[in-house]
Amino acid sequence: MMLKPEFVFATCRAGSEASLKREVASRHGALLTPAFMRPQLITWKLRGEIRDDFVPETAFAAVSGFSIGMARSAADVVNLVKDGMADVHVYPRIVPEDGVPEDAWGRVDSVRAEISTALPLVRNSAFILDVILGEEGEPWFVGCHRRSASAHPCPGALPRLRLPEDAPSRAWLKMEQALAWLQLDGPGVLAGRTALELGSAPGGASWSLLQRGMRVMGVDTGIMDPRVAAHPSFRHLALPAGDVSFRDLPREVDLLASDMNLHPGLVVRYAERFVRQLNPRWMILTLKMNDAQVEPMIPALLQQIRRFAPGEVSARQLHANRREITVVAR
């Protein structure tokens, strides 16, 4: 690595700073002590030695990695970075829950172009450079994170998406950000495939999947948005998830999704039942963390999910999430 790290950093959703600090204290309290903090960005000082492959992944972090320093120009960044990086990720520190305004990306693109021109990339490097832009006049925060399968491929875990005014619900943006994380957001990738969504009403996530050419079965006692209900590739089962008979479901399901407003332990039990019967290729679960008492359950819940999930399990609070985290399996 470029330097012996002294600090680690993590970005998070607005309002989740306290949850992130609690999670880090629980998982890494003997190793990390809180240091610098700004809205949606926290750093910790390392108390001891770490392994070269240490990844400070936490469910409440959008991006986490090692701190490098502060900069005000591309030249400053180059002076800070002693070893090559595989890529340069530039993104804003302040992220609204409904997405970054389009005009804010111009500054991001300008800074990235400056840095990319001055900093040669080393494609086989294990690290990606993070340059986090605060408000005008603030120095840039510079860090890096290790490349891994669980890392969101978009800089800052931020697909360039805004919640459309005509979306049936905010679940549209949550689903789109999760699909980008799984790299299922490319043109035609999901066309012709089948999704089962538990807790589908009023239909934001289903609308996202339908727009991508999927056949969707939604399970919810609530009323679906008329556009979703009328879509020729949508079928609605107006039942609680626990009352669904497998005779009523498609023979093959590629994606199991859930955004049920239930205790996360119950959601995991329902998910296990459907995964073991349907064997989907991918899974996207939204687990509600409505109070701090539920947060300590995250490690046990993830361990339980790993016992039945269709692939590698990762958890992250995406920027479109509120008091909830997204768990994916690929």
C-alpha atoms as a PDB file:
ATOM      1  CA  MET A   1       0.000   0.000   0.000  1.00  0.00           C
ATOM      2  CA  MET A   2       1.107   3.628  -0.537  1.00  0.00           C
ATOM      3  CA  LEU A   3       1.699   4.491   3.128  1.00  0.00           C
ATOM      4  CA  LYS A   4       1.243   2.810   6.452  1.00  0.00           C
ATOM      5  CA  PRO A   5      -2.343   3.879   7.202  1.00  0.00           C
ATOM      6  CA  GLU A   6      -3.141   5.773  10.383  1.00  0.00           C
ATOM      7  CA  PHE A   7      -6.830   6.487   9.798  1.00  0.00           C
ATOM      8  CA  VAL A   8      -9.808   4.834   8.139  1.00  0.00           C
ATOM      9  CA  PHE A   9     -12.897   6.583   6.802  1.00  0.00           C
ATOM     10  CA  ALA A  10     -16.486   5.825   5.930  1.00  0.00           C
ATOM     11  CA  THR A  11     -19.236   7.752   4.189  1.00  0.00           C
ATOM     12  CA  CYS A  12     -22.870   7.226   5.083  1.00  0.00           C
ATOM     13  CA  ARG A  13     -26.418   8.308   4.465  1.00  0.00           C
ATOM     14  CA  ALA A  14     -27.519  11.611   6.012  1.00  0.00           C
ATOM     15  CA  GLY A  15     -28.686  10.974   9.583  1.00  0.00           C
ATOM     16  CA  SER A  16     -26.924   7.623   9.968  1.00  0.00           C
ATOM     17  CA  GLU A  17     -23.693   8.944  11.445  1.00  0.00           C
ATOM     18  CA  ALA A  18     -24.596   7.770  14.964  1.00  0.00           C
ATOM     19  CA  SER A  19     -25.586   4.296  13.726  1.00  0.00           C
ATOM     20  CA  LEU A  20     -22.333   4.010  11.794  1.00  0.00           C
ATOM     21  CA  LYS A  21     -20.274   4.990  14.847  1.00  0.00           C
ATOM     22  CA  ARG A  22     -22.122   2.447  17.008  1.00  0.00           C
ATOM     23  CA  GLU A  23     -21.555  -0.311  14.467  1.00  0.00           C
ATOM     24  CA  VAL A  24     -17.854   0.446  14.111  1.00  0.00           C
ATOM     25  CA  ALA A  25     -17.465   0.595  17.903  1.00  0.00           C
ATOM     26  CA  SER A  26     -19.145  -2.808  18.179  1.00  0.00           C
ATOM     27  CA  ARG A  27     -17.119  -4.472  15.416  1.00  0.00           C
ATOM     28  CA  HIS A  28     -13.762  -2.676  15.623  1.00  0.00           C
ATOM     29  CA  GLY A  29     -13.798  -0.828  18.949  1.00  0.00           C
ATOM     30  CA  ALA A  30     -10.464  -2.267  20.051  1.00  0.00           C
ATOM     31  CA  LEU A  31      -8.809  -1.140  16.831  1.00  0.00           C
ATOM     32  CA  LEU A  32     -10.488   2.156  15.878  1.00  0.00           C
ATOM     33  CA  THR A  33     -11.248   5.318  17.831  1.00  0.00           C
ATOM     34  CA  PRO A  34     -13.381   8.160  16.365  1.00  0.00           C
ATOM     35  CA  ALA A  35     -11.462  11.129  14.968  1.00  0.00           C
ATOM     36  CA  PHE A  36     -12.598  13.626  12.317  1.00  0.00           C
ATOM     37  CA  MET A  37     -16.316  13.922  11.540  1.00  0.00           C
ATOM     38  CA  ARG A  38     -18.447  15.857   9.069  1.00  0.00           C
ATOM     39  CA  PRO A  39     -22.023  15.222   7.918  1.00  0.00           C
ATOM     40  CA  GLN A  40     -22.007  11.916   6.024  1.00  0.00           C
ATOM     41  CA  LEU A  41     -18.243  11.373   6.588  1.00  0.00           C
ATOM     42  CA  ILE A  42     -16.446   9.919   9.634  1.00  0.00           C
ATOM     43  CA  THR A  43     -12.823   8.940  10.226  1.00  0.00           C
ATOM     44  CA  TRP A  44     -11.261   6.764  12.920  1.00  0.00           C
ATOM     45  CA  LYS A  45      -7.666   6.576  14.150  1.00  0.00           C
ATOM     46  CA  LEU A  46      -6.040   3.166  14.124  1.00  0.00           C
ATOM     47  CA  ARG A  47      -4.832   2.010  17.544  1.00  0.00           C
ATOM     48  CA  GLY A  48      -2.659  -0.827  16.319  1.00  0.00           C
ATOM     49  CA  GLU A  49      -1.360  -2.819  13.388  1.00  0.00           C
ATOM     50  CA  ILE A  50      -3.715  -4.047  10.680  1.00  0.00           C
ATOM     51  CA  ARG A  51      -3.449  -6.659   7.969  1.00  0.00           C
ATOM     52  CA  ASP A  52      -2.824  -5.512   4.437  1.00  0.00           C
ATOM     53  CA  ASP A  53      -6.200  -6.900   3.360  1.00  0.00           C
ATOM     54  CA  PHE A  54      -8.200  -5.214   6.151  1.00  0.00           C
ATOM     55  CA  VAL A  55     -11.513  -3.933   4.788  1.00  0.00           C
ATOM     56  CA  PRO A  56     -13.499  -1.809   7.280  1.00  0.00           C
ATOM     57  CA  GLU A  57     -16.812  -2.831   5.734  1.00  0.00           C
ATOM     58  CA  THR A  58     -19.897  -1.928   7.759  1.00  0.00           C
ATOM     59  CA  ALA A  59     -23.586  -2.126   6.905  1.00  0.00           C
ATOM     60  CA  PHE A  60     -24.166   1.572   7.599  1.00  0.00           C
ATOM     61  CA  ALA A  61     -21.270   2.715   5.386  1.00  0.00           C
ATOM     62  CA  ALA A  62     -21.733   3.561   1.729  1.00  0.00           C
ATOM     63  CA  VAL A  63     -17.954   3.527   1.119  1.00  0.00           C
ATOM     64  CA  SER A  64     -15.203   2.686   3.604  1.00  0.00           C
ATOM     65  CA  GLY A  65     -11.440   2.626   3.292  1.00  0.00           C
ATOM     66  CA  PHE A  66      -8.171   4.237   4.384  1.00  0.00           C
ATOM     67  CA  SER A  67      -7.650   7.985   4.831  1.00  0.00           C
ATOM     68  CA  ILE A  68      -4.802   9.615   2.905  1.00  0.00           C
ATOM     69  CA  GLY A  69      -5.150  13.346   3.577  1.00  0.00           C
ATOM     70  CA  MET A  70      -6.700  16.613   2.401  1.00  0.00           C
ATOM     71  CA  ALA A  71      -6.203  18.397  -0.914  1.00  0.00           C
ATOM     72  CA  ARG A  72      -7.294  21.511  -2.770  1.00  0.00           C
ATOM     73  CA  SER A  73      -6.035  20.650  -6.253  1.00  0.00           C
ATOM     74  CA  ALA A  74      -5.162  17.757  -8.518  1.00  0.00           C
ATOM     75  CA  ALA A  75      -1.481  18.477  -7.831  1.00  0.00           C
ATOM     76  CA  ASP A  76      -2.121  18.076  -4.096  1.00  0.00           C
ATOM     77  CA  VAL A  77      -3.758  14.699  -4.747  1.00  0.00           C
ATOM     78  CA  VAL A  78      -0.813  13.490  -6.819  1.00  0.00           C
ATOM     79  CA  ASN A  79       1.580  14.540  -4.039  1.00  0.00           C
ATOM     80  CA  LEU A  80      -0.451  12.566  -1.487  1.00  0.00           C
ATOM     81  CA  VAL A  81      -0.733   9.371  -3.518  1.00  0.00           C
ATOM     82  CA  LYS A  82       2.588   7.555  -3.527  1.00  0.00           C
ATOM     83  CA  ASP A  83       1.482   4.343  -5.253  1.00  0.00           C
ATOM     84  CA  GLY A  84      -0.682   3.824  -8.328  1.00  0.00           C
ATOM     85  CA  MET A  85      -4.431   3.370  -8.138  1.00  0.00           C
ATOM     86  CA  ALA A  86      -6.675   1.214 -10.307  1.00  0.00           C
ATOM     87  CA  ASP A  87      -9.242   4.004 -10.741  1.00  0.00           C
ATOM     88  CA  VAL A  88     -10.255   7.439  -9.463  1.00  0.00           C
ATOM     89  CA  HIS A  89     -13.649   7.869  -7.797  1.00  0.00           C
ATOM     90  CA  VAL A  90     -14.777  11.451  -7.230  1.00  0.00           C
ATOM     91  CA  TYR A  91     -18.110  12.123  -5.548  1.00  0.00           C
ATOM     92  CA  PRO A  92     -19.888  14.625  -3.293  1.00  0.00           C
ATOM     93  CA  ARG A  93     -19.914  14.261   0.480  1.00  0.00           C
ATOM     94  CA  ILE A  94     -23.465  15.610   0.860  1.00  0.00           C
ATOM     95  CA  VAL A  95     -25.946  13.270  -0.799  1.00  0.00           C
ATOM     96  CA  PRO A  96     -29.702  13.975  -0.650  1.00  0.00           C
ATOM     97  CA  GLU A  97     -31.832  10.860  -0.174  1.00  0.00           C
ATOM     98  CA  ASP A  98     -33.578  11.348  -3.531  1.00  0.00           C
ATOM     99  CA  GLY A  99     -30.317  11.601  -5.461  1.00  0.00           C
ATOM    100  CA  VAL A 100     -27.674  14.196  -6.315  1.00  0.00           C
ATOM    101  CA  PRO A 101     -28.970  17.113  -8.445  1.00  0.00           C
ATOM    102  CA  GLU A 102     -27.800  16.941 -12.041  1.00  0.00           C
ATOM    103  CA  ASP A 103     -25.933  20.255 -11.896  1.00  0.00           C
ATOM    104  CA  ALA A 104     -23.713  18.985  -9.034  1.00  0.00           C
ATOM    105  CA  TRP A 105     -22.105  16.374 -11.276  1.00  0.00           C
ATOM    106  CA  GLY A 106     -20.386  19.032 -13.397  1.00  0.00           C
ATOM    107  CA  ARG A 107     -18.001  19.880 -10.556  1.00  0.00           C
ATOM    108  CA  VAL A 108     -17.378  16.174  -9.908  1.00  0.00           C
ATOM    109  CA  ASP A 109     -16.531  15.514 -13.559  1.00  0.00           C
ATOM    110  CA  SER A 110     -14.226  18.530 -13.726  1.00  0.00           C
ATOM    111  CA  VAL A 111     -12.233  17.442 -10.660  1.00  0.00           C
ATOM    112  CA  ARG A 112     -11.991  13.858 -11.885  1.00  0.00           C
ATOM    113  CA  ALA A 113     -10.708  14.979 -15.267  1.00  0.00           C
ATOM    114  CA  GLU A 114      -7.994  17.082 -13.607  1.00  0.00           C
ATOM    115  CA  ILE A 115      -6.861  14.226 -11.373  1.00  0.00           C
ATOM    116  CA  SER A 116      -7.012  11.566 -14.074  1.00  0.00           C
ATOM    117  CA  THR A 117      -4.833  13.705 -16.339  1.00  0.00           C
ATOM    118  CA  ALA A 118      -2.193  14.118 -13.637  1.00  0.00           C
ATOM    119  CA  LEU A 119      -2.298  10.669 -12.015  1.00  0.00           C
ATOM    120  CA  PRO A 120      -1.379   7.577 -14.066  1.00  0.00           C
ATOM    121  CA  LEU A 121      -3.567   4.578 -13.282  1.00  0.00           C
ATOM    122  CA  VAL A 122      -2.243   1.132 -12.449  1.00  0.00           C
ATOM    123  CA  ARG A 123      -4.978  -1.254 -13.503  1.00  0.00           C
ATOM    124  CA  ASN A 124      -3.726  -4.176 -11.409  1.00  0.00           C
ATOM    125  CA  SER A 125      -3.619  -2.110  -8.215  1.00  0.00           C
ATOM    126  CA  ALA A 126      -5.682  -3.427  -5.307  1.00  0.00           C
ATOM    127  CA  PHE A 127      -6.947   0.079  -4.460  1.00  0.00           C
ATOM    128  CA  ILE A 128      -9.300   2.699  -5.855  1.00  0.00           C
ATOM    129  CA  LEU A 129      -8.726   6.359  -5.035  1.00  0.00           C
ATOM    130  CA  ASP A 130     -11.591   8.244  -3.333  1.00  0.00           C
ATOM    131  CA  VAL A 131     -11.768  12.027  -3.634  1.00  0.00           C
ATOM    132  CA  ILE A 132     -14.740  13.374  -1.676  1.00  0.00           C
ATOM    133  CA  LEU A 133     -15.913  16.904  -2.408  1.00  0.00           C
ATOM    134  CA  GLY A 134     -17.457  18.931   0.401  1.00  0.00           C
ATOM    135  CA  GLU A 135     -19.074  22.342   0.116  1.00  0.00           C
ATOM    136  CA  GLU A 136     -17.465  25.124  -1.916  1.00  0.00           C
ATOM    137  CA  GLY A 137     -14.264  26.290  -0.262  1.00  0.00           C
ATOM    138  CA  GLU A 138     -13.707  23.076   1.708  1.00  0.00           C
ATOM    139  CA  PRO A 139     -10.580  21.023   1.002  1.00  0.00           C
ATOM    140  CA  TRP A 140     -11.157  17.705  -0.697  1.00  0.00           C
ATOM    141  CA  PHE A 141     -10.984  14.571   1.447  1.00  0.00           C
ATOM    142  CA  VAL A 142      -8.690  11.962  -0.095  1.00  0.00           C
ATOM    143  CA  GLY A 143      -8.782   8.262   0.745  1.00  0.00           C
ATOM    144  CA  CYS A 144      -8.796   4.887  -0.934  1.00  0.00           C
ATOM    145  CA  HIS A 145     -10.678   1.628  -0.664  1.00  0.00           C
ATOM    146  CA  ARG A 146      -9.706  -1.916  -1.525  1.00  0.00           C
ATOM    147  CA  ARG A 147     -11.295  -3.482  -4.568  1.00  0.00           C
ATOM    148  CA  SER A 148     -13.719  -6.216  -3.543  1.00  0.00           C
ATOM    149  CA  ALA A 149     -16.797  -8.031  -4.771  1.00  0.00           C
ATOM    150  CA  SER A 150     -18.928  -6.320  -2.113  1.00  0.00           C
ATOM    151  CA  ALA A 151     -17.855  -2.780  -3.033  1.00  0.00           C
ATOM    152  CA  HIS A 152     -20.424  -0.754  -4.974  1.00  0.00           C
ATOM    153  CA  PRO A 153     -19.030  -0.203  -8.489  1.00  0.00           C
ATOM    154  CA  CYS A 154     -20.281   3.401  -8.680  1.00  0.00           C
ATOM    155  CA  PRO A 155     -18.141   6.174  -7.138  1.00  0.00           C
ATOM    156  CA  GLY A 156     -19.507   6.885  -3.671  1.00  0.00           C
ATOM    157  CA  ALA A 157     -22.007   4.012  -4.128  1.00  0.00           C
ATOM    158  CA  LEU A 158     -23.922   6.610  -6.129  1.00  0.00           C
ATOM    159  CA  PRO A 159     -25.490   5.725  -9.474  1.00  0.00           C
ATOM    160  CA  ARG A 160     -26.334   8.968 -11.261  1.00  0.00           C
ATOM    161  CA  LEU A 161     -30.031   8.698 -10.606  1.00  0.00           C
ATOM    162  CA  ARG A 162     -32.739  10.965  -9.247  1.00  0.00           C
ATOM    163  CA  LEU A 163     -36.136   9.838  -7.989  1.00  0.00           C
ATOM    164  CA  PRO A 164     -38.558  10.632 -10.845  1.00  0.00           C
ATOM    165  CA  GLU A 165     -41.551  12.755  -9.903  1.00  0.00           C
ATOM    166  CA  ASP A 166     -43.895  10.169 -11.387  1.00  0.00           C
ATOM    167  CA  ALA A 167     -42.382   7.135  -9.626  1.00  0.00           C
ATOM    168  CA  PRO A 168     -45.002   5.104  -7.717  1.00  0.00           C
ATOM    169  CA  SER A 169     -42.836   5.298  -4.572  1.00  0.00           C
ATOM    170  CA  ARG A 170     -39.270   5.814  -3.323  1.00  0.00           C
ATOM    171  CA  ALA A 171     -38.763   2.075  -3.649  1.00  0.00           C
ATOM    172  CA  TRP A 172     -37.999   2.768  -7.339  1.00  0.00           C
ATOM    173  CA  LEU A 173     -34.749   4.510  -6.387  1.00  0.00           C
ATOM    174  CA  LYS A 174     -33.847   1.875  -3.775  1.00  0.00           C
ATOM    175  CA  MET A 175     -34.246  -0.854  -6.377  1.00  0.00           C
ATOM    176  CA  GLU A 176     -32.277   1.041  -9.010  1.00  0.00           C
ATOM    177  CA  GLN A 177     -29.384   1.622  -6.602  1.00  0.00           C
ATOM    178  CA  ALA A 178     -29.406  -2.059  -5.601  1.00  0.00           C
ATOM    179  CA  LEU A 179     -29.415  -3.201  -9.236  1.00  0.00           C
ATOM    180  CA  ALA A 180     -26.430  -0.946  -9.931  1.00  0.00           C
ATOM    181  CA  TRP A 181     -24.643  -2.510  -6.930  1.00  0.00           C
ATOM    182  CA  LEU A 182     -25.263  -5.987  -8.388  1.00  0.00           C
ATOM    183  CA  GLN A 183     -24.276  -4.677 -11.836  1.00  0.00           C
ATOM    184  CA  LEU A 184     -27.664  -5.721 -13.201  1.00  0.00           C
ATOM    185  CA  ASP A 185     -28.485  -2.238 -14.483  1.00  0.00           C
ATOM    186  CA  GLY A 186     -27.062  -2.627 -17.991  1.00  0.00           C
ATOM    187  CA  PRO A 187     -29.375  -2.459 -21.018  1.00  0.00           C
ATOM    188  CA  GLY A 188     -31.244  -5.719 -21.495  1.00  0.00           C
ATOM    189  CA  VAL A 189     -29.529  -7.579 -18.644  1.00  0.00           C
ATOM    190  CA  LEU A 190     -32.819  -8.405 -16.916  1.00  0.00           C
ATOM    191  CA  ALA A 191     -35.106  -8.469 -19.962  1.00  0.00           C
ATOM    192  CA  GLY A 192     -37.282 -11.563 -20.069  1.00  0.00           C
ATOM    193  CA  ARG A 193     -36.353 -12.680 -16.557  1.00  0.00           C
ATOM    194  CA  THR A 194     -38.769 -13.177 -13.660  1.00  0.00           C
ATOM    195  CA  ALA A 195     -38.908 -11.400 -10.298  1.00  0.00           C
ATOM    196  CA  LEU A 196     -40.916 -12.112  -7.166  1.00  0.00           C
ATOM    197  CA  GLU A 197     -41.313  -9.089  -4.887  1.00  0.00           C
ATOM    198  CA  LEU A 198     -42.589  -9.471  -1.334  1.00  0.00           C
ATOM    199  CA  GLY A 199     -44.121  -6.262   0.016  1.00  0.00           C
ATOM    200  CA  SER A 200     -44.630  -4.761  -3.428  1.00  0.00           C
ATOM    201  CA  ALA A 201     -47.265  -2.047  -2.792  1.00  0.00           C
ATOM    202  CA  PRO A 202     -47.574   0.617  -4.038  1.00  0.00           C
ATOM    203  CA  GLY A 203     -45.143  -0.528  -6.706  1.00  0.00           C
ATOM    204  CA  GLY A 204     -41.990   1.582  -6.966  1.00  0.00           C
ATOM    205  CA  ALA A 205     -39.583  -1.366  -7.080  1.00  0.00           C
ATOM    206  CA  SER A 206     -41.895  -3.382  -9.324  1.00  0.00           C
ATOM    207  CA  TRP A 207     -42.065  -0.414 -11.697  1.00  0.00           C
ATOM    208  CA  SER A 208     -38.266  -0.336 -11.863  1.00  0.00           C
ATOM    209  CA  LEU A 209     -38.124  -4.039 -12.735  1.00  0.00           C
ATOM    210  CA  LEU A 210     -40.940  -3.796 -15.266  1.00  0.00           C
ATOM    211  CA  GLN A 211     -39.153  -0.916 -16.972  1.00  0.00           C
ATOM    212  CA  ARG A 212     -36.182  -3.251 -17.358  1.00  0.00           C
ATOM    213  CA  GLY A 213     -38.264  -5.842 -19.174  1.00  0.00           C
ATOM    214  CA  MET A 214     -38.833  -8.276 -16.318  1.00  0.00           C
ATOM    215  CA  ARG A 215     -41.942 -10.268 -15.549  1.00  0.00           C
ATOM    216  CA  VAL A 216     -42.902  -9.373 -11.974  1.00  0.00           C
ATOM    217  CA  MET A 217     -45.159 -11.015  -9.427  1.00  0.00           C
ATOM    218  CA  GLY A 218     -45.917  -8.726  -6.494  1.00  0.00           C
ATOM    219  CA  VAL A 219     -47.088 -10.060  -3.140  1.00  0.00           C
ATOM    220  CA  ASP A 220     -48.821  -7.507  -0.894  1.00  0.00           C
ATOM    221  CA  THR A 221     -52.203  -6.910   0.685  1.00  0.00           C
ATOM    222  CA  GLY A 222     -51.859  -3.215  -0.215  1.00  0.00           C
ATOM    223  CA  ILE A 223     -53.121  -1.500  -3.352  1.00  0.00           C
ATOM    224  CA  MET A 224     -50.759  -1.317  -6.312  1.00  0.00           C
ATOM    225  CA  ASP A 225     -50.235   1.809  -8.394  1.00  0.00           C
ATOM    226  CA  PRO A 226     -52.679   1.618 -11.355  1.00  0.00           C
ATOM    227  CA  ARG A 227     -49.828   1.766 -13.900  1.00  0.00           C
ATOM    228  CA  VAL A 228     -48.127  -1.215 -12.266  1.00  0.00           C
ATOM    229  CA  ALA A 229     -51.350  -3.188 -11.827  1.00  0.00           C
ATOM    230  CA  ALA A 230     -52.257  -2.676 -15.498  1.00  0.00           C
ATOM    231  CA  HIS A 231     -48.849  -3.636 -16.870  1.00  0.00           C
ATOM    232  CA  PRO A 232     -49.082  -6.814 -18.979  1.00  0.00           C
ATOM    233  CA  SER A 233     -45.950  -8.264 -17.315  1.00  0.00           C
ATOM    234  CA  PHE A 234     -47.209  -7.749 -13.749  1.00  0.00           C
ATOM    235  CA  ARG A 235     -49.276 -10.101 -11.619  1.00  0.00           C
ATOM    236  CA  HIS A 236     -50.509  -9.222  -8.129  1.00  0.00           C
ATOM    237  CA  LEU A 237     -51.100 -11.663  -5.287  1.00  0.00           C
ATOM    238  CA  ALA A 238     -53.088  -9.708  -2.682  1.00  0.00           C
ATOM    239  CA  LEU A 239     -51.978 -11.949   0.173  1.00  0.00           C
ATOM    240  CA  PRO A 240     -49.622 -11.788   3.161  1.00  0.00           C
ATOM    241  CA  ALA A 241     -46.309 -13.422   2.318  1.00  0.00           C
ATOM    242  CA  GLY A 242     -46.977 -16.178   4.847  1.00  0.00           C
ATOM    243  CA  ASP A 243     -50.191 -17.211   3.070  1.00  0.00           C
ATOM    244  CA  VAL A 244     -48.697 -17.625  -0.398  1.00  0.00           C
ATOM    245  CA  SER A 245     -48.891 -21.119  -1.867  1.00  0.00           C
ATOM    246  CA  PHE A 246     -46.003 -22.137  -4.069  1.00  0.00           C
ATOM    247  CA  ARG A 247     -48.584 -23.459  -6.543  1.00  0.00           C
ATOM    248  CA  ASP A 248     -49.427 -19.813  -7.298  1.00  0.00           C
ATOM    249  CA  LEU A 249     -45.834 -18.792  -8.057  1.00  0.00           C
ATOM    250  CA  PRO A 250     -43.814 -18.987 -11.265  1.00  0.00           C
ATOM    251  CA  ARG A 251     -41.864 -22.211 -11.739  1.00  0.00           C
ATOM    252  CA  GLU A 252     -38.636 -20.225 -12.132  1.00  0.00           C
ATOM    253  CA  VAL A 253     -37.705 -17.005 -10.331  1.00  0.00           C
ATOM    254  CA  ASP A 254     -34.489 -15.168 -11.178  1.00  0.00           C
ATOM    255  CA  LEU A 255     -34.731 -12.401  -8.577  1.00  0.00           C
ATOM    256  CA  LEU A 256     -36.300 -12.471  -5.129  1.00  0.00           C
ATOM    257  CA  ALA A 257     -36.860  -8.996  -3.689  1.00  0.00           C
ATOM    258  CA  SER A 258     -38.424  -7.909  -0.423  1.00  0.00           C
ATOM    259  CA  ASP A 259     -39.292  -4.527   1.034  1.00  0.00           C
ATOM    260  CA  MET A 260     -41.772  -5.682   3.662  1.00  0.00           C
ATOM    261  CA  ASN A 261     -42.376  -3.364   6.587  1.00  0.00           C
ATOM    262  CA  LEU A 262     -41.852  -6.125   9.151  1.00  0.00           C
ATOM    263  CA  HIS A 263     -39.294  -6.938  11.820  1.00  0.00           C
ATOM    264  CA  PRO A 264     -36.080  -7.965  10.005  1.00  0.00           C
ATOM    265  CA  GLY A 265     -36.004 -11.341  11.749  1.00  0.00           C
ATOM    266  CA  LEU A 266     -39.398 -12.175  10.246  1.00  0.00           C
ATOM    267  CA  VAL A 267     -38.345 -10.899   6.818  1.00  0.00           C
ATOM    268  CA  VAL A 268     -35.317 -13.204   6.892  1.00  0.00           C
ATOM    269  CA  ARG A 269     -37.503 -16.193   7.788  1.00  0.00           C
ATOM    270  CA  TYR A 270     -39.855 -15.447   4.883  1.00  0.00           C
ATOM    271  CA  ALA A 271     -36.905 -14.973   2.533  1.00  0.00           C
ATOM    272  CA  GLU A 272     -35.429 -18.324   3.539  1.00  0.00           C
ATOM    273  CA  ARG A 273     -38.712 -20.084   2.809  1.00  0.00           C
ATOM    274  CA  PHE A 274     -38.925 -18.635  -0.706  1.00  0.00           C
ATOM    275  CA  VAL A 275     -35.226 -19.034  -1.534  1.00  0.00           C
ATOM    276  CA  ARG A 276     -35.139 -22.707  -0.553  1.00  0.00           C
ATOM    277  CA  GLN A 277     -38.208 -23.420  -2.677  1.00  0.00           C
ATOM    278  CA  LEU A 278     -37.491 -21.224  -5.708  1.00  0.00           C
ATOM    279  CA  ASN A 279     -33.676 -21.109  -5.829  1.00  0.00           C
ATOM    280  CA  PRO A 280     -33.425 -17.600  -7.336  1.00  0.00           C
ATOM    281  CA  ARG A 281     -30.220 -16.382  -8.955  1.00  0.00           C
ATOM    282  CA  TRP A 282     -30.202 -13.035  -7.103  1.00  0.00           C
ATOM    283  CA  MET A 283     -31.755 -11.669  -3.931  1.00  0.00           C
ATOM    284  CA  ILE A 284     -32.366  -8.085  -2.744  1.00  0.00           C
ATOM    285  CA  LEU A 285     -33.730  -7.639   0.783  1.00  0.00           C
ATOM    286  CA  THR A 286     -34.548  -4.378   2.539  1.00  0.00           C
ATOM    287  CA  LEU A 287     -34.301  -4.833   6.320  1.00  0.00           C
ATOM    288  CA  LYS A 288     -35.926  -2.166   8.476  1.00  0.00           C
ATOM    289  CA  MET A 289     -33.754  -0.760  11.288  1.00  0.00           C
ATOM    290  CA  ASN A 290     -36.410   1.386  12.940  1.00  0.00           C
ATOM    291  CA  ASP A 291     -34.625   1.685  16.279  1.00  0.00           C
ATOM    292  CA  ALA A 292     -31.155   1.287  17.733  1.00  0.00           C
ATOM    293  CA  GLN A 293     -32.183  -1.961  19.479  1.00  0.00           C
ATOM    294  CA  VAL A 294     -32.429  -3.708  16.097  1.00  0.00           C
ATOM    295  CA  GLU A 295     -28.995  -2.571  14.880  1.00  0.00           C
ATOM    296  CA  PRO A 296     -26.966  -5.051  17.004  1.00  0.00           C
ATOM    297  CA  MET A 297     -28.879  -7.865  15.308  1.00  0.00           C
ATOM    298  CA  ILE A 298     -27.254  -7.150  11.929  1.00  0.00           C
ATOM    299  CA  PRO A 299     -24.304  -9.610  12.215  1.00  0.00           C
ATOM    300  CA  ALA A 300     -26.572 -12.460  13.330  1.00  0.00           C
ATOM    301  CA  LEU A 301     -29.110 -11.693  10.601  1.00  0.00           C
ATOM    302  CA  LEU A 302     -26.402 -11.691   7.937  1.00  0.00           C
ATOM    303  CA  GLN A 303     -25.029 -14.969   9.256  1.00  0.00           C
ATOM    304  CA  GLN A 304     -28.505 -16.462   9.046  1.00  0.00           C
ATOM    305  CA  ILE A 305     -28.963 -15.166   5.486  1.00  0.00           C
ATOM    306  CA  ARG A 306     -25.624 -16.655   4.412  1.00  0.00           C
ATOM    307  CA  ARG A 307     -26.901 -20.115   5.313  1.00  0.00           C
ATOM    308  CA  PHE A 308     -29.557 -20.048   2.587  1.00  0.00           C
ATOM    309  CA  ALA A 309     -28.628 -17.206   0.198  1.00  0.00           C
ATOM    310  CA  PRO A 310     -28.093 -18.002  -3.500  1.00  0.00           C
ATOM    311  CA  GLY A 311     -24.574 -16.513  -3.458  1.00  0.00           C
ATOM    312  CA  GLU A 312     -22.196 -14.127  -1.716  1.00  0.00           C
ATOM    313  CA  VAL A 313     -24.029 -11.852   0.742  1.00  0.00           C
ATOM    314  CA  SER A 314     -23.272  -8.141   1.213  1.00  0.00           C
ATOM    315  CA  ALA A 315     -25.057  -5.498   3.291  1.00  0.00           C
ATOM    316  CA  ARG A 316     -25.013  -1.733   2.899  1.00  0.00           C
ATOM    317  CA  GLN A 317     -27.194   1.249   3.650  1.00  0.00           C
ATOM    318  CA  LEU A 318     -27.690   2.783   0.231  1.00  0.00           C
ATOM    319  CA  HIS A 319     -28.287   6.509   0.002  1.00  0.00           C
ATOM    320  CA  ALA A 320     -31.949   5.950  -0.951  1.00  0.00           C
ATOM    321  CA  ASN A 321     -32.531   3.852   2.176  1.00  0.00           C
ATOM    322  CA  ARG A 322     -33.996   5.495   5.257  1.00  0.00           C
ATOM    323  CA  ARG A 323     -33.985   3.561   8.555  1.00  0.00           C
ATOM    324  CA  GLU A 324     -33.102   0.362   6.737  1.00  0.00           C
ATOM    325  CA  ILE A 325     -30.253  -1.486   5.062  1.00  0.00           C
ATOM    326  CA  THR A 326     -30.119  -3.348   1.763  1.00  0.00           C
ATOM    327  CA  VAL A 327     -28.812  -6.912   1.657  1.00  0.00           C
ATOM    328  CA  VAL A 328     -27.922  -8.466  -1.684  1.00  0.00           C
ATOM    329  CA  ALA A 329     -26.849 -11.942  -2.714  1.00  0.00           C
ATOM    330  CA  ARG A 330     -25.332 -12.680  -6.094  1.00  0.00           C
END
